[in-house]
Amino acid sequence: MIFRDGPESSRRNLMRLSGIALVLLVSLVSCAKSSTPGSLTSGIQGTVTVGPHCPVVQAESPCPDTPFDGKVRVSDAGGGVVAEVQVDPTGAYRIGLEPGTYVVEPVLDSSGGPPTATPATVVVQADAFTTADLSVDTGIR
């Protein structure tokens, strides 16, 4: 690119630079992933429950699991966090994601003791929500 002095040359240079900037902006926007988890047509959904709450569950004295009150975290195959979402009052969650393989788990205190949860590996297909119901183990036995 040759830059010459003078008003006509300056205008041409400015137009070239503006064109380059526009191409870069369009490229960045087209490559960007959606930042709104609910805006995609594929992803992961499910419910998270917590239990048991009683040391011995008996038919005449049921002790059902309860909805989890917290967040669900989704990580990619490399362990990088892609999304976190708060579950609703019923323990349900829904996260819009691009197709791929993910690990989904309830977000718990990292102390290592109860409660605990086992992460689930989930494959998300295009234009579908995969159901991954999760449970949090209270450790009560």
C-alpha atoms as a PDB file:
ATOM      1  CA  MET A   1       0.000   0.000   0.000  1.00  0.00           C
ATOM      2  CA  ILE A   2       1.500   3.299  -1.089  1.00  0.00           C
ATOM      3  CA  PHE A   3       0.704   6.408   0.910  1.00  0.00           C
ATOM      4  CA  ARG A   4       1.068   9.689  -0.982  1.00  0.00           C
ATOM      5  CA  ASP A   5       0.692  13.176   0.290  1.00  0.00           C
ATOM      6  CA  GLY A   6      -2.268  15.252  -0.718  1.00  0.00           C
ATOM      7  CA  PRO A   7      -6.020  15.393  -0.067  1.00  0.00           C
ATOM      8  CA  GLU A   8      -7.025  12.919  -2.804  1.00  0.00           C
ATOM      9  CA  SER A   9      -4.418  10.421  -1.671  1.00  0.00           C
ATOM     10  CA  SER A  10      -5.471  10.807   1.971  1.00  0.00           C
ATOM     11  CA  ARG A  11      -9.100  10.109   1.068  1.00  0.00           C
ATOM     12  CA  ARG A  12      -8.159   6.954  -0.822  1.00  0.00           C
ATOM     13  CA  ASN A  13      -6.028   5.753   2.077  1.00  0.00           C
ATOM     14  CA  LEU A  14      -8.832   6.428   4.527  1.00  0.00           C
ATOM     15  CA  MET A  15     -11.276   4.496   2.311  1.00  0.00           C
ATOM     16  CA  ARG A  16      -8.862   1.543   2.121  1.00  0.00           C
ATOM     17  CA  LEU A  17      -8.401   1.483   5.885  1.00  0.00           C
ATOM     18  CA  SER A  18     -12.148   1.776   6.433  1.00  0.00           C
ATOM     19  CA  GLY A  19     -12.735  -1.148   4.078  1.00  0.00           C
ATOM     20  CA  ILE A  20     -10.171  -3.278   5.894  1.00  0.00           C
ATOM     21  CA  ALA A  21     -11.714  -2.406   9.260  1.00  0.00           C
ATOM     22  CA  LEU A  22     -15.182  -3.326   7.958  1.00  0.00           C
ATOM     23  CA  VAL A  23     -13.964  -6.700   6.655  1.00  0.00           C
ATOM     24  CA  LEU A  24     -12.319  -7.454  10.020  1.00  0.00           C
ATOM     25  CA  LEU A  25     -15.465  -6.487  11.930  1.00  0.00           C
ATOM     26  CA  VAL A  26     -17.694  -8.680   9.752  1.00  0.00           C
ATOM     27  CA  SER A  27     -15.245 -11.577  10.164  1.00  0.00           C
ATOM     28  CA  LEU A  28     -15.242 -11.244  13.944  1.00  0.00           C
ATOM     29  CA  VAL A  29     -19.018 -11.058  14.179  1.00  0.00           C
ATOM     30  CA  SER A  30     -19.537 -14.073  11.920  1.00  0.00           C
ATOM     31  CA  CYS A  31     -17.054 -16.180  13.914  1.00  0.00           C
ATOM     32  CA  ALA A  32     -18.461 -15.276  17.334  1.00  0.00           C
ATOM     33  CA  LYS A  33     -20.440 -17.896  19.288  1.00  0.00           C
ATOM     34  CA  SER A  34     -23.762 -16.977  20.797  1.00  0.00           C
ATOM     35  CA  SER A  35     -23.361 -15.541  24.281  1.00  0.00           C
ATOM     36  CA  THR A  36     -27.006 -16.123  25.157  1.00  0.00           C
ATOM     37  CA  PRO A  37     -27.365 -19.719  26.378  1.00  0.00           C
ATOM     38  CA  GLY A  38     -31.093 -19.860  25.634  1.00  0.00           C
ATOM     39  CA  SER A  39     -30.835 -18.575  22.056  1.00  0.00           C
ATOM     40  CA  LEU A  40     -29.526 -21.775  20.455  1.00  0.00           C
ATOM     41  CA  THR A  41     -31.617 -24.633  19.085  1.00  0.00           C
ATOM     42  CA  SER A  42     -29.442 -27.282  20.729  1.00  0.00           C
ATOM     43  CA  GLY A  43     -28.068 -27.858  24.201  1.00  0.00           C
ATOM     44  CA  ILE A  44     -28.591 -29.651  27.503  1.00  0.00           C
ATOM     45  CA  GLN A  45     -31.628 -29.678  29.786  1.00  0.00           C
ATOM     46  CA  GLY A  46     -32.675 -31.632  32.830  1.00  0.00           C
ATOM     47  CA  THR A  47     -33.363 -31.538  36.528  1.00  0.00           C
ATOM     48  CA  VAL A  48     -31.088 -31.705  39.544  1.00  0.00           C
ATOM     49  CA  THR A  49     -32.286 -33.351  42.754  1.00  0.00           C
ATOM     50  CA  VAL A  50     -30.765 -33.698  46.228  1.00  0.00           C
ATOM     51  CA  GLY A  51     -31.104 -36.763  48.443  1.00  0.00           C
ATOM     52  CA  PRO A  52     -31.393 -38.803  50.482  1.00  0.00           C
ATOM     53  CA  HIS A  53     -32.639 -36.676  53.374  1.00  0.00           C
ATOM     54  CA  CYS A  54     -33.442 -39.510  55.790  1.00  0.00           C
ATOM     55  CA  PRO A  55     -31.075 -42.181  57.100  1.00  0.00           C
ATOM     56  CA  VAL A  56     -33.566 -44.967  56.347  1.00  0.00           C
ATOM     57  CA  VAL A  57     -36.345 -44.566  53.792  1.00  0.00           C
ATOM     58  CA  GLN A  58     -39.448 -46.630  54.496  1.00  0.00           C
ATOM     59  CA  ALA A  59     -42.672 -47.039  52.488  1.00  0.00           C
ATOM     60  CA  GLU A  60     -44.830 -45.686  55.334  1.00  0.00           C
ATOM     61  CA  SER A  61     -42.476 -42.743  55.897  1.00  0.00           C
ATOM     62  CA  PRO A  62     -41.341 -41.507  52.471  1.00  0.00           C
ATOM     63  CA  CYS A  63     -38.428 -39.170  52.260  1.00  0.00           C
ATOM     64  CA  PRO A  64     -38.317 -37.917  48.658  1.00  0.00           C
ATOM     65  CA  ASP A  65     -35.411 -36.138  47.037  1.00  0.00           C
ATOM     66  CA  THR A  66     -35.785 -32.369  46.747  1.00  0.00           C
ATOM     67  CA  PRO A  67     -34.910 -29.899  43.986  1.00  0.00           C
ATOM     68  CA  PHE A  68     -31.320 -28.652  43.987  1.00  0.00           C
ATOM     69  CA  ASP A  69     -30.874 -24.948  44.776  1.00  0.00           C
ATOM     70  CA  GLY A  70     -27.768 -23.832  42.930  1.00  0.00           C
ATOM     71  CA  LYS A  71     -26.036 -23.721  39.572  1.00  0.00           C
ATOM     72  CA  VAL A  72     -25.154 -26.209  36.874  1.00  0.00           C
ATOM     73  CA  ARG A  73     -21.777 -25.873  35.142  1.00  0.00           C
ATOM     74  CA  VAL A  74     -20.957 -27.042  31.628  1.00  0.00           C
ATOM     75  CA  SER A  75     -17.359 -27.643  30.543  1.00  0.00           C
ATOM     76  CA  ASP A  76     -15.914 -28.567  27.169  1.00  0.00           C
ATOM     77  CA  ALA A  77     -13.751 -31.642  26.506  1.00  0.00           C
ATOM     78  CA  GLY A  78     -10.637 -29.698  27.559  1.00  0.00           C
ATOM     79  CA  GLY A  79     -12.132 -28.770  30.942  1.00  0.00           C
ATOM     80  CA  GLY A  80     -12.835 -25.119  30.090  1.00  0.00           C
ATOM     81  CA  VAL A  81     -16.077 -23.756  31.528  1.00  0.00           C
ATOM     82  CA  VAL A  82     -18.469 -22.866  28.694  1.00  0.00           C
ATOM     83  CA  ALA A  83     -21.580 -21.964  30.703  1.00  0.00           C
ATOM     84  CA  GLU A  84     -23.162 -21.823  34.143  1.00  0.00           C
ATOM     85  CA  VAL A  85     -26.859 -21.470  34.794  1.00  0.00           C
ATOM     86  CA  GLN A  86     -29.005 -21.180  37.913  1.00  0.00           C
ATOM     87  CA  VAL A  87     -31.577 -23.969  38.245  1.00  0.00           C
ATOM     88  CA  ASP A  88     -35.190 -22.906  38.699  1.00  0.00           C
ATOM     89  CA  PRO A  89     -37.201 -23.611  41.906  1.00  0.00           C
ATOM     90  CA  THR A  90     -38.138 -27.081  40.608  1.00  0.00           C
ATOM     91  CA  GLY A  91     -34.475 -27.983  40.010  1.00  0.00           C
ATOM     92  CA  ALA A  92     -34.808 -27.688  36.224  1.00  0.00           C
ATOM     93  CA  TYR A  93     -32.202 -26.158  33.931  1.00  0.00           C
ATOM     94  CA  ARG A  94     -31.726 -25.559  30.195  1.00  0.00           C
ATOM     95  CA  ILE A  95     -28.508 -24.408  28.541  1.00  0.00           C
ATOM     96  CA  GLY A  96     -28.219 -23.602  24.834  1.00  0.00           C
ATOM     97  CA  LEU A  97     -24.975 -24.979  23.370  1.00  0.00           C
ATOM     98  CA  GLU A  98     -23.371 -25.649  20.025  1.00  0.00           C
ATOM     99  CA  PRO A  99     -23.246 -29.352  19.039  1.00  0.00           C
ATOM    100  CA  GLY A 100     -20.364 -31.177  20.713  1.00  0.00           C
ATOM    101  CA  THR A 101     -19.354 -33.189  23.766  1.00  0.00           C
ATOM    102  CA  TYR A 102     -19.652 -31.562  27.180  1.00  0.00           C
ATOM    103  CA  VAL A 103     -19.387 -32.391  30.869  1.00  0.00           C
ATOM    104  CA  VAL A 104     -22.279 -31.117  33.005  1.00  0.00           C
ATOM    105  CA  GLU A 105     -22.369 -31.049  36.810  1.00  0.00           C
ATOM    106  CA  PRO A 106     -23.981 -29.269  39.756  1.00  0.00           C
ATOM    107  CA  VAL A 107     -21.740 -26.582  41.268  1.00  0.00           C
ATOM    108  CA  LEU A 108     -20.895 -27.700  44.815  1.00  0.00           C
ATOM    109  CA  ASP A 109     -18.598 -26.579  47.625  1.00  0.00           C
ATOM    110  CA  SER A 110     -15.107 -27.763  46.709  1.00  0.00           C
ATOM    111  CA  SER A 111     -14.326 -29.116  50.187  1.00  0.00           C
ATOM    112  CA  GLY A 112     -14.433 -32.704  48.900  1.00  0.00           C
ATOM    113  CA  GLY A 113     -16.962 -33.953  51.472  1.00  0.00           C
ATOM    114  CA  PRO A 114     -20.687 -34.427  51.181  1.00  0.00           C
ATOM    115  CA  PRO A 115     -22.647 -33.391  49.314  1.00  0.00           C
ATOM    116  CA  THR A 116     -21.136 -34.888  46.173  1.00  0.00           C
ATOM    117  CA  ALA A 117     -22.223 -35.271  42.562  1.00  0.00           C
ATOM    118  CA  THR A 118     -20.958 -37.287  39.636  1.00  0.00           C
ATOM    119  CA  PRO A 119     -20.419 -35.251  36.461  1.00  0.00           C
ATOM    120  CA  ALA A 120     -22.206 -36.473  33.327  1.00  0.00           C
ATOM    121  CA  THR A 121     -20.680 -36.511  29.849  1.00  0.00           C
ATOM    122  CA  VAL A 122     -23.265 -35.375  27.320  1.00  0.00           C
ATOM    123  CA  VAL A 123     -23.210 -35.317  23.524  1.00  0.00           C
ATOM    124  CA  VAL A 124     -25.234 -32.438  22.081  1.00  0.00           C
ATOM    125  CA  GLN A 125     -26.629 -32.979  18.571  1.00  0.00           C
ATOM    126  CA  ALA A 126     -27.646 -30.186  16.190  1.00  0.00           C
ATOM    127  CA  ASP A 127     -31.193 -28.874  16.658  1.00  0.00           C
ATOM    128  CA  ALA A 128     -31.893 -30.985  19.765  1.00  0.00           C
ATOM    129  CA  PHE A 129     -31.714 -30.644  23.532  1.00  0.00           C
ATOM    130  CA  THR A 130     -30.167 -33.647  25.296  1.00  0.00           C
ATOM    131  CA  THR A 131     -31.643 -34.491  28.700  1.00  0.00           C
ATOM    132  CA  ALA A 132     -29.164 -34.938  31.535  1.00  0.00           C
ATOM    133  CA  ASP A 133     -30.829 -35.382  34.936  1.00  0.00           C
ATOM    134  CA  LEU A 134     -28.307 -34.982  37.755  1.00  0.00           C
ATOM    135  CA  SER A 135     -28.378 -35.926  41.424  1.00  0.00           C
ATOM    136  CA  VAL A 136     -26.553 -34.559  44.415  1.00  0.00           C
ATOM    137  CA  ASP A 137     -25.778 -37.141  47.097  1.00  0.00           C
ATOM    138  CA  THR A 138     -26.143 -35.751  50.635  1.00  0.00           C
ATOM    139  CA  GLY A 139     -24.118 -38.598  52.106  1.00  0.00           C
ATOM    140  CA  ILE A 140     -26.885 -39.495  54.604  1.00  0.00           C
ATOM    141  CA  ARG A 141     -27.086 -43.271  55.053  1.00  0.00           C
END
